[in-house]
């Protein structure tokens, strides 16, 4: 599953121009996920590709738990948007 995660500061304060918090969050996400930091100023946007069958709710729960880490607990998950589902789709007309 390919999802896009968007996070913002929970306090409502505007984030600085440093991508450090985005990098910290990337490091805390599960190693088994392929990750890409898309934006690190203002809001943090990360694209995550999971190879296993996970629901959007499971991904959201795991990321929410990660954001309780003291290094990044001033961030909150705003959206967890599915961009694509895995490669298990059946091809039409092929046997």
PDB file of N, CA and C in Angstrom:
ATOM      1  N   UNK A   1       0.847  -1.164   0.000  1.00  0.00           N
ATOM      2  CA  UNK A   1       0.000   0.000   0.000  1.00  0.00           C
ATOM      3  C   UNK A   1       0.900   1.236   0.000  1.00  0.00           C
ATOM      4  N   UNK A   2       0.542   2.220  -0.798  1.00  0.00           N
ATOM      5  CA  UNK A   2       1.251   3.494  -0.846  1.00  0.00           C
ATOM      6  C   UNK A   2       0.358   4.549  -0.213  1.00  0.00           C
ATOM      7  N   UNK A   3       0.863   5.203   0.819  1.00  0.00           N
ATOM      8  CA  UNK A   3       0.086   6.244   1.494  1.00  0.00           C
ATOM      9  C   UNK A   3       0.928   7.502   1.658  1.00  0.00           C
ATOM     10  N   UNK A   4       0.236   8.610   1.792  1.00  0.00           N
ATOM     11  CA  UNK A   4       0.906   9.868   2.064  1.00  0.00           C
ATOM     12  C   UNK A   4       0.476  10.331   3.440  1.00  0.00           C
ATOM     13  N   UNK A   5       1.451  10.589   4.282  1.00  0.00           N
ATOM     14  CA  UNK A   5       1.220  11.042   5.650  1.00  0.00           C
ATOM     15  C   UNK A   5       1.531  12.527   5.734  1.00  0.00           C
ATOM     16  N   UNK A   6       0.646  13.291   6.335  1.00  0.00           N
ATOM     17  CA  UNK A   6       0.921  14.705   6.560  1.00  0.00           C
ATOM     18  C   UNK A   6       0.826  14.980   8.056  1.00  0.00           C
ATOM     19  N   UNK A   7       1.870  15.619   8.578  1.00  0.00           N
ATOM     20  CA  UNK A   7       1.928  15.948   9.994  1.00  0.00           C
ATOM     21  C   UNK A   7       2.154  17.443  10.162  1.00  0.00           C
ATOM     22  N   UNK A   8       1.649  17.976  11.266  1.00  0.00           N
ATOM     23  CA  UNK A   8       1.887  19.386  11.599  1.00  0.00           C
ATOM     24  C   UNK A   8       2.134  19.476  13.099  1.00  0.00           C
ATOM     25  N   UNK A   9       2.647  20.604  13.502  1.00  0.00           N
ATOM     26  CA  UNK A   9       2.895  20.813  14.936  1.00  0.00           C
ATOM     27  C   UNK A   9       1.566  20.808  15.685  1.00  0.00           C
ATOM     28  N   UNK A  10       1.521  20.063  16.755  1.00  0.00           N
ATOM     29  CA  UNK A  10       0.301  19.947  17.563  1.00  0.00           C
ATOM     30  C   UNK A  10      -0.008  21.246  18.294  1.00  0.00           C
ATOM     31  N   UNK A  11       1.003  22.034  18.576  1.00  0.00           N
ATOM     32  CA  UNK A  11       0.820  23.273  19.328  1.00  0.00           C
ATOM     33  C   UNK A  11       0.289  24.401  18.464  1.00  0.00           C
ATOM     34  N   UNK A  12       0.249  24.198  17.156  1.00  0.00           N
ATOM     35  CA  UNK A  12      -0.209  25.240  16.260  1.00  0.00           C
ATOM     36  C   UNK A  12       0.886  26.213  15.862  1.00  0.00           C
ATOM     37  N   UNK A  13       2.064  26.066  16.475  1.00  0.00           N
ATOM     38  CA  UNK A  13       3.196  26.924  16.115  1.00  0.00           C
ATOM     39  C   UNK A  13       3.698  26.528  14.734  1.00  0.00           C
ATOM     40  N   UNK A  14       4.133  27.494  13.987  1.00  0.00           N
ATOM     41  CA  UNK A  14       4.687  27.237  12.663  1.00  0.00           C
ATOM     42  C   UNK A  14       6.060  26.594  12.818  1.00  0.00           C
ATOM     43  N   UNK A  15       6.298  25.551  12.038  1.00  0.00           N
ATOM     44  CA  UNK A  15       7.597  24.877  12.080  1.00  0.00           C
ATOM     45  C   UNK A  15       8.648  25.742  11.408  1.00  0.00           C
ATOM     46  N   UNK A  16       9.882  25.563  11.809  1.00  0.00           N
ATOM     47  CA  UNK A  16      10.985  26.274  11.179  1.00  0.00           C
ATOM     48  C   UNK A  16      11.298  25.681   9.806  1.00  0.00           C
ATOM     49  N   UNK A  17      12.339  26.176   9.175  1.00  0.00           N
ATOM     50  CA  UNK A  17      12.715  25.710   7.851  1.00  0.00           C
ATOM     51  C   UNK A  17      13.617  24.491   7.881  1.00  0.00           C
ATOM     52  N   UNK A  18      13.911  23.961   9.038  1.00  0.00           N
ATOM     53  CA  UNK A  18      14.806  22.826   9.161  1.00  0.00           C
ATOM     54  C   UNK A  18      14.064  21.508   8.946  1.00  0.00           C
ATOM     55  N   UNK A  19      14.637  20.604   8.152  1.00  0.00           N
ATOM     56  CA  UNK A  19      14.018  19.294   7.935  1.00  0.00           C
ATOM     57  C   UNK A  19      14.338  18.278   9.036  1.00  0.00           C
ATOM     58  N   UNK A  20      14.942  18.713  10.137  1.00  0.00           N
ATOM     59  CA  UNK A  20      15.402  17.789  11.180  1.00  0.00           C
ATOM     60  C   UNK A  20      14.257  16.942  11.739  1.00  0.00           C
ATOM     61  N   UNK A  21      13.124  17.535  12.054  1.00  0.00           N
ATOM     62  CA  UNK A  21      12.012  16.753  12.605  1.00  0.00           C
ATOM     63  C   UNK A  21      11.498  15.737  11.585  1.00  0.00           C
ATOM     64  N   UNK A  22      11.454  16.115  10.322  1.00  0.00           N
ATOM     65  CA  UNK A  22      11.049  15.170   9.275  1.00  0.00           C
ATOM     66  C   UNK A  22      11.985  13.979   9.217  1.00  0.00           C
ATOM     67  N   UNK A  23      13.270  14.234   9.345  1.00  0.00           N
ATOM     68  CA  UNK A  23      14.272  13.161   9.338  1.00  0.00           C
ATOM     69  C   UNK A  23      14.126  12.293  10.582  1.00  0.00           C
ATOM     70  N   UNK A  24      13.843  12.911  11.720  1.00  0.00           N
ATOM     71  CA  UNK A  24      13.631  12.138  12.956  1.00  0.00           C
ATOM     72  C   UNK A  24      12.432  11.194  12.814  1.00  0.00           C
ATOM     73  N   UNK A  25      11.336  11.724  12.255  1.00  0.00           N
ATOM     74  CA  UNK A  25      10.143  10.892  12.072  1.00  0.00           C
ATOM     75  C   UNK A  25      10.443   9.749  11.106  1.00  0.00           C
ATOM     76  N   UNK A  26      11.146  10.037  10.012  1.00  0.00           N
ATOM     77  CA  UNK A  26      11.544   8.976   9.073  1.00  0.00           C
ATOM     78  C   UNK A  26      12.290   7.865   9.783  1.00  0.00           C
ATOM     79  N   UNK A  27      13.213   8.246  10.655  1.00  0.00           N
ATOM     80  CA  UNK A  27      14.029   7.258  11.373  1.00  0.00           C
ATOM     81  C   UNK A  27      13.198   6.398  12.315  1.00  0.00           C
ATOM     82  N   UNK A  28      12.097   6.934  12.829  1.00  0.00           N
ATOM     83  CA  UNK A  28      11.262   6.182  13.772  1.00  0.00           C
ATOM     84  C   UNK A  28      10.243   5.273  13.084  1.00  0.00           C
ATOM     85  N   UNK A  29       9.951   5.538  11.803  1.00  0.00           N
ATOM     86  CA  UNK A  29       8.999   4.684  11.081  1.00  0.00           C
ATOM     87  C   UNK A  29       9.598   3.294  10.891  1.00  0.00           C
ATOM     88  N   UNK A  30       8.756   2.272  10.777  1.00  0.00           N
ATOM     89  CA  UNK A  30       9.263   0.903  10.658  1.00  0.00           C
ATOM     90  C   UNK A  30      10.249   0.720   9.501  1.00  0.00           C
ATOM     91  N   UNK A  31      11.302  -0.017   9.749  1.00  0.00           N
ATOM     92  CA  UNK A  31      12.324  -0.274   8.732  1.00  0.00           C
ATOM     93  C   UNK A  31      11.769  -0.998   7.522  1.00  0.00           C
ATOM     94  N   UNK A  32      10.740  -1.796   7.723  1.00  0.00           N
ATOM     95  CA  UNK A  32      10.177  -2.597   6.628  1.00  0.00           C
ATOM     96  C   UNK A  32       9.407  -1.738   5.619  1.00  0.00           C
ATOM     97  N   UNK A  33       9.141  -0.486   5.966  1.00  0.00           N
ATOM     98  CA  UNK A  33       8.447   0.429   5.054  1.00  0.00           C
ATOM     99  C   UNK A  33       9.467   1.193   4.227  1.00  0.00           C
ATOM    100  N   UNK A  34       9.178   1.355   2.922  1.00  0.00           N
ATOM    101  CA  UNK A  34       9.977   2.256   2.101  1.00  0.00           C
ATOM    102  C   UNK A  34       9.386   3.651   2.299  1.00  0.00           C
ATOM    103  N   UNK A  35      10.265   4.630   2.535  1.00  0.00           N
ATOM    104  CA  UNK A  35       9.802   5.963   2.926  1.00  0.00           C
ATOM    105  C   UNK A  35      10.464   7.036   2.063  1.00  0.00           C
ATOM    106  N   UNK A  36       9.737   8.118   1.841  1.00  0.00           N
ATOM    107  CA  UNK A  36      10.255   9.237   1.073  1.00  0.00           C
ATOM    108  C   UNK A  36       9.746  10.530   1.705  1.00  0.00           C
ATOM    109  N   UNK A  37      10.665  11.358   2.163  1.00  0.00           N
ATOM    110  CA  UNK A  37      10.310  12.647   2.748  1.00  0.00           C
ATOM    111  C   UNK A  37      10.025  13.615   1.607  1.00  0.00           C
ATOM    112  N   UNK A  38       8.777  14.043   1.488  1.00  0.00           N
ATOM    113  CA  UNK A  38       8.348  14.891   0.376  1.00  0.00           C
ATOM    114  C   UNK A  38       8.450  16.377   0.718  1.00  0.00           C
ATOM    115  N   UNK A  39       8.212  16.714   1.962  1.00  0.00           N
ATOM    116  CA  UNK A  39       8.233  18.119   2.383  1.00  0.00           C
ATOM    117  C   UNK A  39       8.594  18.141   3.855  1.00  0.00           C
ATOM    118  N   UNK A  40       9.445  19.077   4.224  1.00  0.00           N
ATOM    119  CA  UNK A  40       9.868  19.109   5.618  1.00  0.00           C
ATOM    120  C   UNK A  40       9.772  20.495   6.238  1.00  0.00           C
ATOM    121  N   UNK A  41       9.204  21.453   5.531  1.00  0.00           N
ATOM    122  CA  UNK A  41       9.034  22.782   6.115  1.00  0.00           C
ATOM    123  C   UNK A  41       7.547  23.060   6.224  1.00  0.00           C
ATOM    124  N   UNK A  42       7.161  23.726   7.277  1.00  0.00           N
ATOM    125  CA  UNK A  42       5.732  23.920   7.533  1.00  0.00           C
ATOM    126  C   UNK A  42       5.150  22.614   8.030  1.00  0.00           C
ATOM    127  N   UNK A  43       4.491  21.886   7.156  1.00  0.00           N
ATOM    128  CA  UNK A  43       4.026  20.539   7.482  1.00  0.00           C
ATOM    129  C   UNK A  43       5.084  19.537   7.007  1.00  0.00           C
ATOM    130  N   UNK A  44       5.043  18.351   7.583  1.00  0.00           N
ATOM    131  CA  UNK A  44       5.910  17.262   7.133  1.00  0.00           C
ATOM    132  C   UNK A  44       5.038  16.321   6.317  1.00  0.00           C
ATOM    133  N   UNK A  45       5.485  16.010   5.105  1.00  0.00           N
ATOM    134  CA  UNK A  45       4.770  15.084   4.241  1.00  0.00           C
ATOM    135  C   UNK A  45       5.717  13.938   3.892  1.00  0.00           C
ATOM    136  N   UNK A  46       5.283  12.721   4.204  1.00  0.00           N
ATOM    137  CA  UNK A  46       6.087  11.524   3.956  1.00  0.00           C
ATOM    138  C   UNK A  46       5.242  10.528   3.177  1.00  0.00           C
ATOM    139  N   UNK A  47       5.797   9.990   2.114  1.00  0.00           N
ATOM    140  CA  UNK A  47       5.146   8.884   1.400  1.00  0.00           C
ATOM    141  C   UNK A  47       5.744   7.591   1.905  1.00  0.00           C
ATOM    142  N   UNK A  48       4.858   6.649   2.192  1.00  0.00           N
ATOM    143  CA  UNK A  48       5.254   5.361   2.754  1.00  0.00           C
ATOM    144  C   UNK A  48       4.685   4.249   1.877  1.00  0.00           C
ATOM    145  N   UNK A  49       5.520   3.273   1.557  1.00  0.00           N
ATOM    146  CA  UNK A  49       5.050   2.104   0.813  1.00  0.00           C
ATOM    147  C   UNK A  49       5.241   0.884   1.706  1.00  0.00           C
ATOM    148  N   UNK A  50       4.133   0.229   2.033  1.00  0.00           N
ATOM    149  CA  UNK A  50       4.199  -0.985   2.846  1.00  0.00           C
ATOM    150  C   UNK A  50       4.016  -2.184   1.926  1.00  0.00           C
ATOM    151  N   UNK A  51       4.833  -3.206   2.068  1.00  0.00           N
ATOM    152  CA  UNK A  51       4.711  -4.402   1.251  1.00  0.00           C
ATOM    153  C   UNK A  51       3.668  -5.361   1.798  1.00  0.00           C
ATOM    154  N   UNK A  52       3.403  -5.271   3.070  1.00  0.00           N
ATOM    155  CA  UNK A  52       2.437  -6.176   3.678  1.00  0.00           C
ATOM    156  C   UNK A  52       1.019  -5.625   3.533  1.00  0.00           C
ATOM    157  N   UNK A  53       0.078  -6.477   3.720  1.00  0.00           N
ATOM    158  CA  UNK A  53      -1.325  -6.056   3.651  1.00  0.00           C
ATOM    159  C   UNK A  53      -1.672  -5.342   4.959  1.00  0.00           C
ATOM    160  N   UNK A  54      -1.764  -4.046   4.888  1.00  0.00           N
ATOM    161  CA  UNK A  54      -2.133  -3.233   6.044  1.00  0.00           C
ATOM    162  C   UNK A  54      -3.280  -2.336   5.634  1.00  0.00           C
ATOM    163  N   UNK A  55      -4.124  -2.030   6.576  1.00  0.00           N
ATOM    164  CA  UNK A  55      -5.199  -1.082   6.302  1.00  0.00           C
ATOM    165  C   UNK A  55      -4.704   0.323   6.607  1.00  0.00           C
ATOM    166  N   UNK A  56      -5.419   1.283   6.095  1.00  0.00           N
ATOM    167  CA  UNK A  56      -5.117   2.676   6.376  1.00  0.00           C
ATOM    168  C   UNK A  56      -5.184   2.930   7.882  1.00  0.00           C
ATOM    169  N   UNK A  57      -6.161   2.326   8.546  1.00  0.00           N
ATOM    170  CA  UNK A  57      -6.320   2.496   9.995  1.00  0.00           C
ATOM    171  C   UNK A  57      -5.114   1.938  10.758  1.00  0.00           C
ATOM    172  N   UNK A  58      -4.563   0.819  10.303  1.00  0.00           N
ATOM    173  CA  UNK A  58      -3.389   0.233  10.968  1.00  0.00           C
ATOM    174  C   UNK A  58      -2.167   1.134  10.803  1.00  0.00           C
ATOM    175  N   UNK A  59      -2.001   1.678   9.606  1.00  0.00           N
ATOM    176  CA  UNK A  59      -0.878   2.588   9.359  1.00  0.00           C
ATOM    177  C   UNK A  59      -1.031   3.831  10.221  1.00  0.00           C
ATOM    178  N   UNK A  60      -2.235   4.383  10.247  1.00  0.00           N
ATOM    179  CA  UNK A  60      -2.515   5.572  11.064  1.00  0.00           C
ATOM    180  C   UNK A  60      -2.198   5.299  12.541  1.00  0.00           C
ATOM    181  N   UNK A  61      -2.607   4.152  13.051  1.00  0.00           N
ATOM    182  CA  UNK A  61      -2.359   3.804  14.451  1.00  0.00           C
ATOM    183  C   UNK A  61      -0.864   3.685  14.736  1.00  0.00           C
ATOM    184  N   UNK A  62      -0.134   3.067  13.814  1.00  0.00           N
ATOM    185  CA  UNK A  62       1.303   2.903  14.029  1.00  0.00           C
ATOM    186  C   UNK A  62       2.021   4.258  14.012  1.00  0.00           C
ATOM    187  N   UNK A  63       1.653   5.134  13.090  1.00  0.00           N
ATOM    188  CA  UNK A  63       2.277   6.451  13.008  1.00  0.00           C
ATOM    189  C   UNK A  63       1.899   7.293  14.231  1.00  0.00           C
ATOM    190  N   UNK A  64       0.664   7.222  14.657  1.00  0.00           N
ATOM    191  CA  UNK A  64       0.228   7.958  15.842  1.00  0.00           C
ATOM    192  C   UNK A  64       1.028   7.520  17.065  1.00  0.00           C
ATOM    193  N   UNK A  65       1.270   6.228  17.193  1.00  0.00           N
ATOM    194  CA  UNK A  65       2.083   5.705  18.302  1.00  0.00           C
ATOM    195  C   UNK A  65       3.522   6.229  18.219  1.00  0.00           C
ATOM    196  N   UNK A  66       4.082   6.254  17.022  1.00  0.00           N
ATOM    197  CA  UNK A  66       5.448   6.756  16.822  1.00  0.00           C
ATOM    198  C   UNK A  66       5.550   8.215  17.249  1.00  0.00           C
ATOM    199  N   UNK A  67       4.515   8.981  16.988  1.00  0.00           N
ATOM    200  CA  UNK A  67       4.539  10.411  17.323  1.00  0.00           C
ATOM    201  C   UNK A  67       4.421  10.684  18.821  1.00  0.00           C
ATOM    202  N   UNK A  68       4.327   9.636  19.641  1.00  0.00           N
ATOM    203  CA  UNK A  68       4.375   9.824  21.092  1.00  0.00           C
ATOM    204  C   UNK A  68       5.822   9.849  21.595  1.00  0.00           C
ATOM    205  N   UNK A  69       6.773   9.509  20.727  1.00  0.00           N
ATOM    206  CA  UNK A  69       8.189   9.541  21.097  1.00  0.00           C
ATOM    207  C   UNK A  69       8.560  10.976  21.487  1.00  0.00           C
ATOM    208  N   UNK A  70       9.274  11.149  22.602  1.00  0.00           N
ATOM    209  CA  UNK A  70       9.617  12.500  23.059  1.00  0.00           C
ATOM    210  C   UNK A  70      10.364  13.351  22.027  1.00  0.00           C
ATOM    211  N   UNK A  71      11.086  12.735  21.114  1.00  0.00           N
ATOM    212  CA  UNK A  71      11.833  13.495  20.104  1.00  0.00           C
ATOM    213  C   UNK A  71      10.916  14.176  19.090  1.00  0.00           C
ATOM    214  N   UNK A  72       9.687  13.659  18.935  1.00  0.00           N
ATOM    215  CA  UNK A  72       8.776  14.198  17.906  1.00  0.00           C
ATOM    216  C   UNK A  72       7.345  14.371  18.413  1.00  0.00           C
ATOM    217  N   UNK A  73       7.152  14.359  19.735  1.00  0.00           N
ATOM    218  CA  UNK A  73       5.782  14.359  20.262  1.00  0.00           C
ATOM    219  C   UNK A  73       5.064  15.705  20.146  1.00  0.00           C
ATOM    220  N   UNK A  74       5.723  16.713  19.583  1.00  0.00           N
ATOM    221  CA  UNK A  74       5.020  17.962  19.337  1.00  0.00           C
ATOM    222  C   UNK A  74       4.418  17.997  17.925  1.00  0.00           C
ATOM    223  N   UNK A  75       4.457  16.847  17.223  1.00  0.00           N
ATOM    224  CA  UNK A  75       3.850  16.699  15.905  1.00  0.00           C
ATOM    225  C   UNK A  75       2.626  15.806  16.004  1.00  0.00           C
ATOM    226  N   UNK A  76       1.644  16.058  15.133  1.00  0.00           N
ATOM    227  CA  UNK A  76       0.448  15.220  15.084  1.00  0.00           C
ATOM    228  C   UNK A  76       0.176  14.821  13.639  1.00  0.00           C
ATOM    229  N   UNK A  77      -0.396  13.649  13.471  1.00  0.00           N
ATOM    230  CA  UNK A  77      -0.770  13.165  12.155  1.00  0.00           C
ATOM    231  C   UNK A  77      -2.081  13.831  11.755  1.00  0.00           C
ATOM    232  N   UNK A  78      -2.075  14.505  10.610  1.00  0.00           N
ATOM    233  CA  UNK A  78      -3.260  15.204  10.125  1.00  0.00           C
ATOM    234  C   UNK A  78      -4.008  14.321   9.128  1.00  0.00           C
ATOM    235  N   UNK A  79      -3.277  13.756   8.176  1.00  0.00           N
ATOM    236  CA  UNK A  79      -3.912  12.884   7.187  1.00  0.00           C
ATOM    237  C   UNK A  79      -3.055  11.656   6.922  1.00  0.00           C
ATOM    238  N   UNK A  80      -3.727  10.606   6.551  1.00  0.00           N
ATOM    239  CA  UNK A  80      -3.114   9.346   6.123  1.00  0.00           C
ATOM    240  C   UNK A  80      -3.903   8.940   4.881  1.00  0.00           C
ATOM    241  N   UNK A  81      -3.455   9.414   3.739  1.00  0.00           N
ATOM    242  CA  UNK A  81      -4.210   9.300   2.485  1.00  0.00           C
ATOM    243  C   UNK A  81      -3.649   8.166   1.626  1.00  0.00           C
ATOM    244  N   UNK A  82      -4.492   7.217   1.242  1.00  0.00           N
ATOM    245  CA  UNK A  82      -4.068   6.111   0.387  1.00  0.00           C
ATOM    246  C   UNK A  82      -3.894   6.610  -1.044  1.00  0.00           C
ATOM    247  N   UNK A  83      -2.709   6.362  -1.618  1.00  0.00           N
ATOM    248  CA  UNK A  83      -2.435   6.745  -2.996  1.00  0.00           C
ATOM    249  C   UNK A  83      -2.573   5.549  -3.934  1.00  0.00           C
ATOM    250  N   UNK A  84      -2.194   4.362  -3.464  1.00  0.00           N
ATOM    251  CA  UNK A  84      -2.300   3.157  -4.289  1.00  0.00           C
ATOM    252  C   UNK A  84      -2.332   1.939  -3.382  1.00  0.00           C
ATOM    253  N   UNK A  85      -3.066   0.932  -3.838  1.00  0.00           N
ATOM    254  CA  UNK A  85      -3.124  -0.345  -3.131  1.00  0.00           C
ATOM    255  C   UNK A  85      -2.121  -1.267  -3.795  1.00  0.00           C
ATOM    256  N   UNK A  86      -1.672  -2.297  -3.086  1.00  0.00           N
ATOM    257  CA  UNK A  86      -0.625  -3.217  -3.541  1.00  0.00           C
ATOM    258  C   UNK A  86      -0.756  -3.777  -4.939  1.00  0.00           C
ATOM    259  N   UNK A  87       0.099  -4.718  -5.259  1.00  0.00           N
ATOM    260  CA  UNK A  87       0.204  -5.313  -6.577  1.00  0.00           C
ATOM    261  C   UNK A  87      -0.653  -6.558  -6.723  1.00  0.00           C
ATOM    262  N   UNK A  88      -1.670  -6.720  -5.931  1.00  0.00           N
ATOM    263  CA  UNK A  88      -2.467  -7.948  -5.925  1.00  0.00           C
ATOM    264  C   UNK A  88      -3.695  -7.847  -6.819  1.00  0.00           C
ATOM    265  N   UNK A  89      -3.719  -6.871  -7.706  1.00  0.00           N
ATOM    266  CA  UNK A  89      -4.875  -6.683  -8.554  1.00  0.00           C
ATOM    267  C   UNK A  89      -4.851  -7.682  -9.706  1.00  0.00           C
ATOM    268  N   UNK A  90      -6.025  -8.195 -10.053  1.00  0.00           N
ATOM    269  CA  UNK A  90      -6.135  -9.163 -11.122  1.00  0.00           C
ATOM    270  C   UNK A  90      -6.192  -8.439 -12.463  1.00  0.00           C
ATOM    271  N   UNK A  91      -5.401  -8.917 -13.436  1.00  0.00           N
ATOM    272  CA  UNK A  91      -5.385  -8.327 -14.767  1.00  0.00           C
ATOM    273  C   UNK A  91      -6.574  -8.839 -15.559  1.00  0.00           C
ATOM    274  N   UNK A  92      -7.341  -7.946 -16.137  1.00  0.00           N
ATOM    275  CA  UNK A  92      -8.502  -8.307 -16.942  1.00  0.00           C
ATOM    276  C   UNK A  92      -8.052  -8.943 -18.255  1.00  0.00           C
ATOM    277  N   UNK A  93      -8.729 -10.046 -18.662  1.00  0.00           N
ATOM    278  CA  UNK A  93      -8.467 -10.691 -19.930  1.00  0.00           C
ATOM    279  C   UNK A  93      -7.261 -11.607 -19.949  1.00  0.00           C
ATOM    280  N   UNK A  94      -6.547 -11.730 -18.841  1.00  0.00           N
ATOM    281  CA  UNK A  94      -5.371 -12.615 -18.747  1.00  0.00           C
ATOM    282  C   UNK A  94      -5.742 -13.836 -17.920  1.00  0.00           C
ATOM    283  N   UNK A  95      -5.208 -14.988 -18.298  1.00  0.00           N
ATOM    284  CA  UNK A  95      -5.475 -16.186 -17.498  1.00  0.00           C
ATOM    285  C   UNK A  95      -4.209 -16.759 -16.963  1.00  0.00           C
TER     286      UNK A  95
END
